[in-house]
Structure formats: structure tokens, C-alpha cells
Amino acid sequence: MTNALDQLTRIIPDHPALRLMHFVEASTPLIDTLAPLAQSRDYEYQLLALDDTLSALLLDQYATTDAIKIRPITFDRSRYNLQAKQYDFVFVEAAVENKEHFVKTVYGAMKNAANIFLLLSTGDAGEIETWRKVLEENFFVAFSSFELDEARKVVSAKKMHGWGG
């Protein structure tokens, strides 16, 4: 799994001041991959926990790390970002029930041409197709899906530069 996650995160260029946003409902190996990357490259890593207990645990774990910001969050919010900050890469490792609301809300938190990666525990073609439709209807392009490992699929897309929103 670590090798697959390392390959996934290779898409993140070594540019200054990048911002990463990551939605989680449990502690995951991707956190363990992105956290040191953010620290070593001085990126801002916004870790959004959908569980209060997880949020408290992550706050304790990363309390002394300036690059990593932990926030408890719910998907029904009207905004996912603070202070109008926009993010270059968004990772989602949580079940999203209202995909339409999520995509419209996360769109405003992303820079133009930013990438979104949804890590799905199922390779269900129906779910992947639903994500494709919702993303394309909300001004995301370059949709693709691929196998991360035996247990997970990744759905990716790019926020269309200068469209919608």
C-alpha cells in the first residue's frame, strides 16, 4: 500500500507554498504519507476529520507541526476552507453521501486547475460513473479512475480553469 500511495503522491510537484486538503473519517496510511511530505516541503496540509475523536487524536499527534492543520468538519457545511484559502490538491478518504453538495462546496476551496483524488474502497462501476457525472456537471475535467491497490480505486479530476463556480 505504501508504494501505491508514494506513486499517487508523486503527482504533487516540489513547488513552494502548495496547499493540500484531505478529508478523512479514520486514520489512514495516506495521512502518514502526506504529513511528512508537507513537513519536508513546507506545504500547508489541512487535515479535515469527520469524527471528533479522530480530530482530537490527530490534534495531539501533530500539535507541534506548523505545516499540518487539523479541523473537525462535516460534509453539510457551506464552506470547507477557512479565510478564502484555496488548495492545489484535495484528497478524499471518506464516504460522501451527498456528492452534488460536496463537489459544489469543494470547488470553491480549490485553485484553478487543482486536482481532486477520491479514494474509494469499492471498485463499483456504478459509483465511479456517478462520480464522473457529478464532477463533469460541476466543471471538473480530465476525469479518470484507476486501481490504487487490490482494495481501492482512485477517482481523479481537475478543476476546470476559469469555468463555472
N, C-alpha and C. Protein backbone atom coordinates (compact mmCIF):
# COMPACT_ATOMS: atom_id res chain seq x y z
N MET A 1 0.82 -1.20 0.00
CA MET A 1 0.00 0.00 0.00
C MET A 1 0.87 1.26 0.00
N THR A 2 1.93 1.26 0.80
CA THR A 2 2.78 2.44 0.88
C THR A 2 3.35 2.79 -0.49
N ASN A 3 3.80 1.78 -1.23
CA ASN A 3 4.35 2.03 -2.55
C ASN A 3 3.30 2.65 -3.46
N ALA A 4 2.07 2.15 -3.41
CA ALA A 4 0.99 2.71 -4.22
C ALA A 4 0.71 4.16 -3.83
N LEU A 5 0.73 4.45 -2.53
CA LEU A 5 0.50 5.83 -2.07
C LEU A 5 1.65 6.74 -2.47
N ASP A 6 2.87 6.22 -2.41
CA ASP A 6 4.03 7.00 -2.86
C ASP A 6 3.88 7.36 -4.33
N GLN A 7 3.42 6.39 -5.12
CA GLN A 7 3.21 6.65 -6.55
C GLN A 7 2.11 7.68 -6.75
N LEU A 8 1.04 7.59 -5.98
CA LEU A 8 -0.06 8.55 -6.09
C LEU A 8 0.43 9.96 -5.76
N THR A 9 1.21 10.10 -4.71
CA THR A 9 1.64 11.43 -4.29
C THR A 9 2.77 12.01 -5.14
N ARG A 10 3.31 11.23 -6.05
CA ARG A 10 4.35 11.76 -6.95
C ARG A 10 3.79 12.83 -7.88
N ILE A 11 2.48 12.88 -8.01
CA ILE A 11 1.88 13.91 -8.85
C ILE A 11 2.05 15.30 -8.24
N ILE A 12 2.32 15.36 -6.94
CA ILE A 12 2.48 16.64 -6.25
C ILE A 12 3.88 17.17 -6.54
N PRO A 13 3.98 18.28 -7.27
CA PRO A 13 5.31 18.80 -7.61
C PRO A 13 6.00 19.43 -6.41
N ASP A 14 7.29 19.52 -6.49
CA ASP A 14 8.08 20.14 -5.42
C ASP A 14 8.14 21.65 -5.68
N HIS A 15 6.99 22.31 -5.54
CA HIS A 15 6.89 23.75 -5.70
C HIS A 15 6.64 24.38 -4.34
N PRO A 16 7.06 25.60 -4.15
CA PRO A 16 6.85 26.23 -2.84
C PRO A 16 5.38 26.58 -2.59
N ALA A 17 5.01 26.57 -1.33
CA ALA A 17 3.72 27.09 -0.84
C ALA A 17 2.49 26.37 -1.39
N LEU A 18 2.61 25.09 -1.69
CA LEU A 18 1.43 24.34 -2.11
C LEU A 18 0.54 24.07 -0.91
N ARG A 19 -0.74 23.89 -1.19
CA ARG A 19 -1.70 23.58 -0.14
C ARG A 19 -2.41 22.26 -0.48
N LEU A 20 -2.49 21.41 0.54
CA LEU A 20 -3.16 20.12 0.41
C LEU A 20 -4.34 20.09 1.36
N MET A 21 -5.47 19.57 0.89
CA MET A 21 -6.66 19.39 1.71
C MET A 21 -6.99 17.90 1.69
N HIS A 22 -7.31 17.35 2.86
CA HIS A 22 -7.52 15.91 2.97
C HIS A 22 -8.69 15.63 3.91
N PHE A 23 -9.73 14.99 3.40
CA PHE A 23 -10.90 14.62 4.19
C PHE A 23 -10.76 13.17 4.64
N VAL A 24 -10.87 12.93 5.96
CA VAL A 24 -10.73 11.57 6.48
C VAL A 24 -11.81 11.29 7.53
N GLU A 25 -12.15 10.01 7.64
CA GLU A 25 -13.07 9.59 8.70
C GLU A 25 -12.40 8.56 9.61
N ALA A 26 -11.14 8.26 9.33
CA ALA A 26 -10.33 7.35 10.14
C ALA A 26 -8.86 7.67 9.86
N SER A 27 -7.99 7.21 10.73
CA SER A 27 -6.57 7.37 10.48
C SER A 27 -6.19 6.45 9.32
N THR A 28 -5.42 6.96 8.37
CA THR A 28 -5.12 6.20 7.16
C THR A 28 -3.63 6.26 6.82
N PRO A 29 -3.15 5.32 6.03
CA PRO A 29 -1.75 5.37 5.57
C PRO A 29 -1.46 6.61 4.72
N LEU A 30 -2.46 7.16 4.05
CA LEU A 30 -2.23 8.36 3.25
C LEU A 30 -1.85 9.55 4.14
N ILE A 31 -2.42 9.63 5.33
CA ILE A 31 -2.01 10.68 6.27
C ILE A 31 -0.52 10.54 6.57
N ASP A 32 -0.09 9.30 6.79
CA ASP A 32 1.31 9.04 7.09
C ASP A 32 2.24 9.33 5.90
N THR A 33 1.68 9.38 4.71
CA THR A 33 2.46 9.72 3.52
C THR A 33 2.47 11.23 3.29
N LEU A 34 1.30 11.87 3.43
CA LEU A 34 1.20 13.31 3.16
C LEU A 34 1.82 14.18 4.26
N ALA A 35 1.70 13.75 5.51
CA ALA A 35 2.22 14.58 6.62
C ALA A 35 3.72 14.84 6.50
N PRO A 36 4.55 13.82 6.34
CA PRO A 36 5.99 14.11 6.20
C PRO A 36 6.32 14.86 4.91
N LEU A 37 5.56 14.61 3.85
CA LEU A 37 5.76 15.34 2.59
C LEU A 37 5.51 16.83 2.83
N ALA A 38 4.40 17.15 3.49
CA ALA A 38 4.06 18.55 3.79
C ALA A 38 5.12 19.20 4.67
N GLN A 39 5.59 18.47 5.66
CA GLN A 39 6.61 19.00 6.55
C GLN A 39 7.94 19.25 5.82
N SER A 40 8.36 18.30 5.03
CA SER A 40 9.65 18.41 4.36
C SER A 40 9.67 19.49 3.29
N ARG A 41 8.51 19.75 2.68
CA ARG A 41 8.45 20.75 1.60
C ARG A 41 7.80 22.06 2.04
N ASP A 42 7.47 22.15 3.31
CA ASP A 42 6.85 23.36 3.85
C ASP A 42 5.52 23.69 3.15
N TYR A 43 4.71 22.66 2.93
CA TYR A 43 3.37 22.86 2.38
C TYR A 43 2.39 23.08 3.52
N GLU A 44 1.23 23.61 3.20
CA GLU A 44 0.14 23.65 4.17
C GLU A 44 -0.71 22.40 3.94
N TYR A 45 -0.91 21.63 4.98
CA TYR A 45 -1.69 20.39 4.91
C TYR A 45 -2.88 20.53 5.84
N GLN A 46 -4.04 20.75 5.26
CA GLN A 46 -5.29 20.89 6.01
C GLN A 46 -5.95 19.51 6.10
N LEU A 47 -5.95 18.94 7.29
CA LEU A 47 -6.49 17.61 7.52
C LEU A 47 -7.86 17.76 8.16
N LEU A 48 -8.90 17.41 7.43
CA LEU A 48 -10.28 17.62 7.87
C LEU A 48 -10.87 16.29 8.33
N ALA A 49 -11.12 16.20 9.63
CA ALA A 49 -11.59 14.96 10.23
C ALA A 49 -13.10 14.99 10.43
N LEU A 50 -13.76 13.96 9.94
CA LEU A 50 -15.21 13.87 10.05
C LEU A 50 -15.67 13.22 11.34
N ASP A 51 -14.74 12.97 12.23
CA ASP A 51 -15.03 12.35 13.51
C ASP A 51 -14.31 13.15 14.60
N ASP A 52 -15.04 13.56 15.64
CA ASP A 52 -14.45 14.38 16.70
C ASP A 52 -13.33 13.66 17.45
N THR A 53 -13.49 12.37 17.69
CA THR A 53 -12.45 11.61 18.38
C THR A 53 -11.19 11.56 17.54
N LEU A 54 -11.35 11.31 16.25
CA LEU A 54 -10.20 11.30 15.34
C LEU A 54 -9.55 12.68 15.29
N SER A 55 -10.35 13.71 15.23
CA SER A 55 -9.82 15.07 15.21
C SER A 55 -8.95 15.34 16.43
N ALA A 56 -9.42 14.95 17.62
CA ALA A 56 -8.66 15.15 18.85
C ALA A 56 -7.35 14.34 18.82
N LEU A 57 -7.42 13.12 18.33
CA LEU A 57 -6.23 12.27 18.22
C LEU A 57 -5.20 12.89 17.28
N LEU A 58 -5.66 13.36 16.13
CA LEU A 58 -4.75 13.97 15.16
C LEU A 58 -4.18 15.29 15.68
N LEU A 59 -4.99 16.05 16.40
CA LEU A 59 -4.51 17.29 17.01
C LEU A 59 -3.36 17.01 17.97
N ASP A 60 -3.51 15.97 18.78
CA ASP A 60 -2.43 15.58 19.69
C ASP A 60 -1.19 15.13 18.93
N GLN A 61 -1.41 14.33 17.90
CA GLN A 61 -0.29 13.77 17.13
C GLN A 61 0.52 14.85 16.42
N TYR A 62 -0.16 15.87 15.89
CA TYR A 62 0.52 16.89 15.08
C TYR A 62 0.54 18.26 15.75
N ALA A 63 0.41 18.32 17.05
CA ALA A 63 0.34 19.59 17.78
C ALA A 63 1.56 20.48 17.56
N THR A 64 2.70 19.89 17.38
CA THR A 64 3.92 20.69 17.25
C THR A 64 4.34 20.91 15.80
N THR A 65 3.48 20.56 14.87
CA THR A 65 3.82 20.66 13.46
C THR A 65 3.06 21.82 12.83
N ASP A 66 3.78 22.87 12.46
CA ASP A 66 3.15 24.06 11.89
C ASP A 66 2.51 23.80 10.53
N ALA A 67 3.07 22.91 9.74
CA ALA A 67 2.58 22.67 8.38
C ALA A 67 1.23 21.95 8.35
N ILE A 68 0.88 21.28 9.43
CA ILE A 68 -0.33 20.45 9.45
C ILE A 68 -1.38 21.08 10.34
N LYS A 69 -2.53 21.37 9.75
CA LYS A 69 -3.66 21.95 10.48
C LYS A 69 -4.78 20.92 10.52
N ILE A 70 -5.29 20.65 11.71
CA ILE A 70 -6.36 19.67 11.89
C ILE A 70 -7.65 20.43 12.19
N ARG A 71 -8.72 20.04 11.52
CA ARG A 71 -10.03 20.65 11.79
C ARG A 71 -11.11 19.59 11.76
N PRO A 72 -11.99 19.61 12.76
CA PRO A 72 -13.18 18.76 12.66
C PRO A 72 -14.12 19.40 11.64
N ILE A 73 -14.84 18.58 10.90
CA ILE A 73 -15.71 19.11 9.85
C ILE A 73 -16.86 18.14 9.59
N THR A 74 -17.90 18.66 8.98
CA THR A 74 -18.99 17.83 8.47
C THR A 74 -19.17 18.18 7.00
N PHE A 75 -19.66 17.25 6.23
CA PHE A 75 -19.84 17.48 4.80
C PHE A 75 -20.98 18.45 4.50
N ASP A 76 -21.89 18.70 5.46
CA ASP A 76 -23.03 19.56 5.17
C ASP A 76 -22.72 21.05 5.30
N ARG A 77 -21.48 21.40 5.57
CA ARG A 77 -21.09 22.81 5.69
C ARG A 77 -21.23 23.53 4.35
N SER A 78 -21.33 24.85 4.41
CA SER A 78 -21.41 25.64 3.18
C SER A 78 -20.03 25.97 2.62
N ARG A 79 -18.97 25.81 3.45
CA ARG A 79 -17.58 26.03 3.02
C ARG A 79 -16.69 25.02 3.73
N TYR A 80 -15.68 24.55 3.04
CA TYR A 80 -14.72 23.65 3.65
C TYR A 80 -13.40 24.35 3.98
N ASN A 81 -13.16 25.48 3.36
CA ASN A 81 -11.91 26.19 3.58
C ASN A 81 -12.14 27.38 4.51
N LEU A 82 -11.06 27.82 5.14
CA LEU A 82 -11.08 28.99 6.01
C LEU A 82 -10.34 30.13 5.35
N GLN A 83 -10.73 31.33 5.66
CA GLN A 83 -10.02 32.53 5.22
C GLN A 83 -9.82 32.58 3.71
N ALA A 84 -10.75 32.04 2.97
CA ALA A 84 -10.72 32.05 1.50
C ALA A 84 -9.46 31.42 0.91
N LYS A 85 -8.78 30.59 1.67
CA LYS A 85 -7.62 29.87 1.14
C LYS A 85 -8.09 28.87 0.11
N GLN A 86 -7.29 28.69 -0.92
CA GLN A 86 -7.62 27.70 -1.93
C GLN A 86 -6.48 26.68 -2.02
N TYR A 87 -6.85 25.47 -2.37
CA TYR A 87 -5.94 24.33 -2.29
C TYR A 87 -5.59 23.79 -3.67
N ASP A 88 -4.37 23.27 -3.78
CA ASP A 88 -3.84 22.74 -5.03
C ASP A 88 -4.23 21.28 -5.25
N PHE A 89 -4.33 20.53 -4.15
CA PHE A 89 -4.65 19.11 -4.21
C PHE A 89 -5.64 18.78 -3.11
N VAL A 90 -6.68 18.03 -3.47
CA VAL A 90 -7.68 17.60 -2.50
C VAL A 90 -7.74 16.07 -2.54
N PHE A 91 -7.65 15.47 -1.37
CA PHE A 91 -7.75 14.02 -1.22
C PHE A 91 -8.97 13.72 -0.36
N VAL A 92 -9.74 12.72 -0.76
CA VAL A 92 -10.96 12.38 -0.03
C VAL A 92 -10.91 10.90 0.31
N GLU A 93 -10.85 10.61 1.61
CA GLU A 93 -10.88 9.22 2.10
C GLU A 93 -12.04 9.08 3.07
N ALA A 94 -13.20 9.43 2.62
CA ALA A 94 -14.41 9.35 3.45
C ALA A 94 -15.59 9.11 2.52
N ALA A 95 -16.58 8.44 3.05
CA ALA A 95 -17.80 8.20 2.27
C ALA A 95 -18.57 9.50 2.14
N VAL A 96 -18.86 9.89 0.92
CA VAL A 96 -19.60 11.13 0.65
C VAL A 96 -21.00 10.75 0.20
N GLU A 97 -21.99 11.06 1.01
CA GLU A 97 -23.36 10.71 0.64
C GLU A 97 -23.93 11.69 -0.38
N ASN A 98 -23.86 12.98 -0.09
CA ASN A 98 -24.41 13.99 -1.00
C ASN A 98 -23.28 14.49 -1.90
N LYS A 99 -23.04 13.74 -2.96
CA LYS A 99 -21.93 14.04 -3.86
C LYS A 99 -22.07 15.41 -4.52
N GLU A 100 -23.28 15.76 -4.92
CA GLU A 100 -23.53 17.04 -5.58
C GLU A 100 -23.14 18.21 -4.66
N HIS A 101 -23.61 18.18 -3.42
CA HIS A 101 -23.26 19.24 -2.46
C HIS A 101 -21.75 19.27 -2.22
N PHE A 102 -21.16 18.11 -2.03
CA PHE A 102 -19.73 18.04 -1.76
C PHE A 102 -18.93 18.66 -2.91
N VAL A 103 -19.23 18.27 -4.14
CA VAL A 103 -18.46 18.74 -5.28
C VAL A 103 -18.62 20.25 -5.46
N LYS A 104 -19.84 20.75 -5.30
CA LYS A 104 -20.05 22.21 -5.41
C LYS A 104 -19.31 22.96 -4.31
N THR A 105 -19.29 22.41 -3.12
CA THR A 105 -18.64 23.08 -1.99
C THR A 105 -17.12 23.01 -2.09
N VAL A 106 -16.59 21.85 -2.45
CA VAL A 106 -15.14 21.72 -2.54
C VAL A 106 -14.60 22.52 -3.73
N TYR A 107 -15.41 22.74 -4.75
CA TYR A 107 -14.99 23.52 -5.92
C TYR A 107 -14.47 24.90 -5.48
N GLY A 108 -15.19 25.54 -4.57
CA GLY A 108 -14.80 26.86 -4.10
C GLY A 108 -13.53 26.87 -3.26
N ALA A 109 -13.14 25.71 -2.76
CA ALA A 109 -11.93 25.61 -1.93
C ALA A 109 -10.70 25.26 -2.75
N MET A 110 -10.88 25.07 -4.05
CA MET A 110 -9.78 24.62 -4.90
C MET A 110 -9.31 25.73 -5.83
N LYS A 111 -8.00 25.79 -6.06
CA LYS A 111 -7.44 26.71 -7.04
C LYS A 111 -7.84 26.25 -8.44
N ASN A 112 -7.77 27.16 -9.39
CA ASN A 112 -7.99 26.76 -10.78
C ASN A 112 -6.97 25.69 -11.16
N ALA A 113 -7.42 24.68 -11.86
CA ALA A 113 -6.61 23.56 -12.32
C ALA A 113 -6.13 22.65 -11.19
N ALA A 114 -6.71 22.78 -9.99
CA ALA A 114 -6.37 21.91 -8.87
C ALA A 114 -6.90 20.50 -9.14
N ASN A 115 -6.27 19.52 -8.51
CA ASN A 115 -6.65 18.12 -8.67
C ASN A 115 -7.40 17.62 -7.45
N ILE A 116 -8.37 16.74 -7.70
CA ILE A 116 -9.08 16.05 -6.62
C ILE A 116 -8.89 14.56 -6.82
N PHE A 117 -8.65 13.86 -5.71
CA PHE A 117 -8.48 12.42 -5.72
C PHE A 117 -9.42 11.82 -4.68
N LEU A 118 -10.35 10.99 -5.13
CA LEU A 118 -11.28 10.31 -4.25
C LEU A 118 -10.84 8.86 -4.16
N LEU A 119 -10.49 8.42 -2.96
CA LEU A 119 -10.05 7.05 -2.76
C LEU A 119 -11.26 6.23 -2.32
N LEU A 120 -11.68 5.31 -3.16
CA LEU A 120 -12.88 4.53 -2.93
C LEU A 120 -12.52 3.12 -2.51
N SER A 121 -13.23 2.62 -1.51
CA SER A 121 -12.96 1.25 -1.05
C SER A 121 -13.66 0.22 -1.92
N THR A 122 -14.43 0.69 -2.86
CA THR A 122 -15.11 -0.22 -3.78
C THR A 122 -14.80 0.17 -5.21
N GLY A 123 -14.70 -0.80 -6.05
CA GLY A 123 -14.49 -0.54 -7.46
C GLY A 123 -15.79 -0.58 -8.23
N ASP A 124 -16.89 -0.35 -7.53
CA ASP A 124 -18.22 -0.42 -8.11
C ASP A 124 -18.33 0.55 -9.29
N ALA A 125 -18.59 0.01 -10.47
CA ALA A 125 -18.67 0.83 -11.68
C ALA A 125 -19.78 1.87 -11.58
N GLY A 126 -20.86 1.54 -10.89
CA GLY A 126 -21.96 2.49 -10.72
C GLY A 126 -21.54 3.70 -9.91
N GLU A 127 -20.78 3.48 -8.84
CA GLU A 127 -20.32 4.60 -8.03
C GLU A 127 -19.32 5.46 -8.80
N ILE A 128 -18.44 4.82 -9.53
CA ILE A 128 -17.46 5.57 -10.33
C ILE A 128 -18.18 6.40 -11.38
N GLU A 129 -19.17 5.85 -12.03
CA GLU A 129 -19.93 6.58 -13.03
C GLU A 129 -20.69 7.75 -12.40
N THR A 130 -21.25 7.55 -11.22
CA THR A 130 -21.93 8.64 -10.52
C THR A 130 -20.96 9.78 -10.24
N TRP A 131 -19.77 9.45 -9.76
CA TRP A 131 -18.75 10.48 -9.52
C TRP A 131 -18.39 11.19 -10.82
N ARG A 132 -18.23 10.45 -11.90
CA ARG A 132 -17.89 11.07 -13.19
C ARG A 132 -18.93 12.10 -13.58
N LYS A 133 -20.20 11.72 -13.51
CA LYS A 133 -21.28 12.63 -13.89
C LYS A 133 -21.31 13.87 -13.02
N VAL A 134 -21.24 13.67 -11.71
CA VAL A 134 -21.31 14.81 -10.78
C VAL A 134 -20.12 15.74 -10.99
N LEU A 135 -18.93 15.19 -11.14
CA LEU A 135 -17.75 16.03 -11.36
C LEU A 135 -17.85 16.80 -12.68
N GLU A 136 -18.21 16.13 -13.75
CA GLU A 136 -18.30 16.80 -15.04
C GLU A 136 -19.39 17.85 -15.06
N GLU A 137 -20.52 17.60 -14.41
CA GLU A 137 -21.60 18.59 -14.35
C GLU A 137 -21.22 19.81 -13.54
N ASN A 138 -20.17 19.70 -12.74
CA ASN A 138 -19.73 20.80 -11.89
C ASN A 138 -18.34 21.31 -12.27
N PHE A 139 -18.04 21.27 -13.57
CA PHE A 139 -16.87 21.92 -14.14
C PHE A 139 -15.53 21.29 -13.77
N PHE A 140 -15.52 19.98 -13.62
CA PHE A 140 -14.28 19.25 -13.46
C PHE A 140 -14.01 18.50 -14.76
N VAL A 141 -12.76 18.44 -15.15
CA VAL A 141 -12.38 17.77 -16.40
C VAL A 141 -11.30 16.74 -16.11
N ALA A 142 -10.82 16.10 -17.17
CA ALA A 142 -9.73 15.12 -17.08
C ALA A 142 -10.07 14.02 -16.08
N PHE A 143 -11.32 13.58 -16.08
CA PHE A 143 -11.76 12.51 -15.18
C PHE A 143 -11.04 11.22 -15.53
N SER A 144 -10.63 10.51 -14.49
CA SER A 144 -10.10 9.16 -14.70
C SER A 144 -10.31 8.35 -13.43
N SER A 145 -10.27 7.06 -13.59
CA SER A 145 -10.31 6.17 -12.43
C SER A 145 -9.27 5.08 -12.67
N PHE A 146 -8.63 4.68 -11.59
CA PHE A 146 -7.60 3.65 -11.71
C PHE A 146 -7.49 2.90 -10.39
N GLU A 147 -6.93 1.73 -10.47
CA GLU A 147 -6.76 0.89 -9.28
C GLU A 147 -5.52 1.36 -8.52
N LEU A 148 -5.71 1.65 -7.23
CA LEU A 148 -4.58 2.01 -6.37
C LEU A 148 -3.89 0.75 -5.87
N ASP A 149 -4.69 -0.18 -5.41
CA ASP A 149 -4.22 -1.49 -4.96
C ASP A 149 -5.39 -2.46 -5.07
N GLU A 150 -5.26 -3.63 -4.51
CA GLU A 150 -6.31 -4.65 -4.63
C GLU A 150 -7.64 -4.21 -4.00
N ALA A 151 -7.59 -3.34 -3.02
CA ALA A 151 -8.79 -2.98 -2.27
C ALA A 151 -9.34 -1.59 -2.59
N ARG A 152 -8.60 -0.78 -3.34
CA ARG A 152 -9.03 0.60 -3.51
C ARG A 152 -8.89 1.08 -4.95
N LYS A 153 -9.85 1.92 -5.33
CA LYS A 153 -9.83 2.62 -6.62
C LYS A 153 -9.66 4.11 -6.33
N VAL A 154 -9.09 4.80 -7.28
CA VAL A 154 -8.96 6.25 -7.18
C VAL A 154 -9.74 6.87 -8.33
N VAL A 155 -10.56 7.85 -8.00
CA VAL A 155 -11.24 8.67 -8.99
C VAL A 155 -10.54 10.02 -8.94
N SER A 156 -10.11 10.50 -10.08
CA SER A 156 -9.43 11.80 -10.11
C SER A 156 -10.05 12.71 -11.16
N ALA A 157 -9.93 14.01 -10.91
CA ALA A 157 -10.40 15.01 -11.85
C ALA A 157 -9.67 16.31 -11.55
N LYS A 158 -9.81 17.25 -12.47
CA LYS A 158 -9.14 18.54 -12.35
C LYS A 158 -10.19 19.64 -12.45
N LYS A 159 -10.08 20.62 -11.56
CA LYS A 159 -10.98 21.77 -11.62
C LYS A 159 -10.68 22.54 -12.90
N MET A 160 -11.72 22.76 -13.68
CA MET A 160 -11.55 23.45 -14.96
C MET A 160 -11.17 24.90 -14.72
N HIS A 161 -10.12 25.32 -15.36
CA HIS A 161 -9.61 26.68 -15.20
C HIS A 161 -10.60 27.69 -15.82
N GLY A 162 -11.07 28.61 -14.98
CA GLY A 162 -11.88 29.72 -15.47
C GLY A 162 -13.31 29.41 -15.83
N TRP A 163 -13.81 28.24 -15.44
CA TRP A 163 -15.18 27.89 -15.77
C TRP A 163 -15.99 27.77 -14.50
N GLY A 164 -17.28 28.01 -14.63
CA GLY A 164 -18.24 27.72 -13.55
C GLY A 164 -17.92 28.40 -12.25
N GLY A 165 -18.50 27.82 -11.19
CA GLY A 165 -18.23 28.24 -9.85
C GLY A 165 -18.84 29.52 -9.46
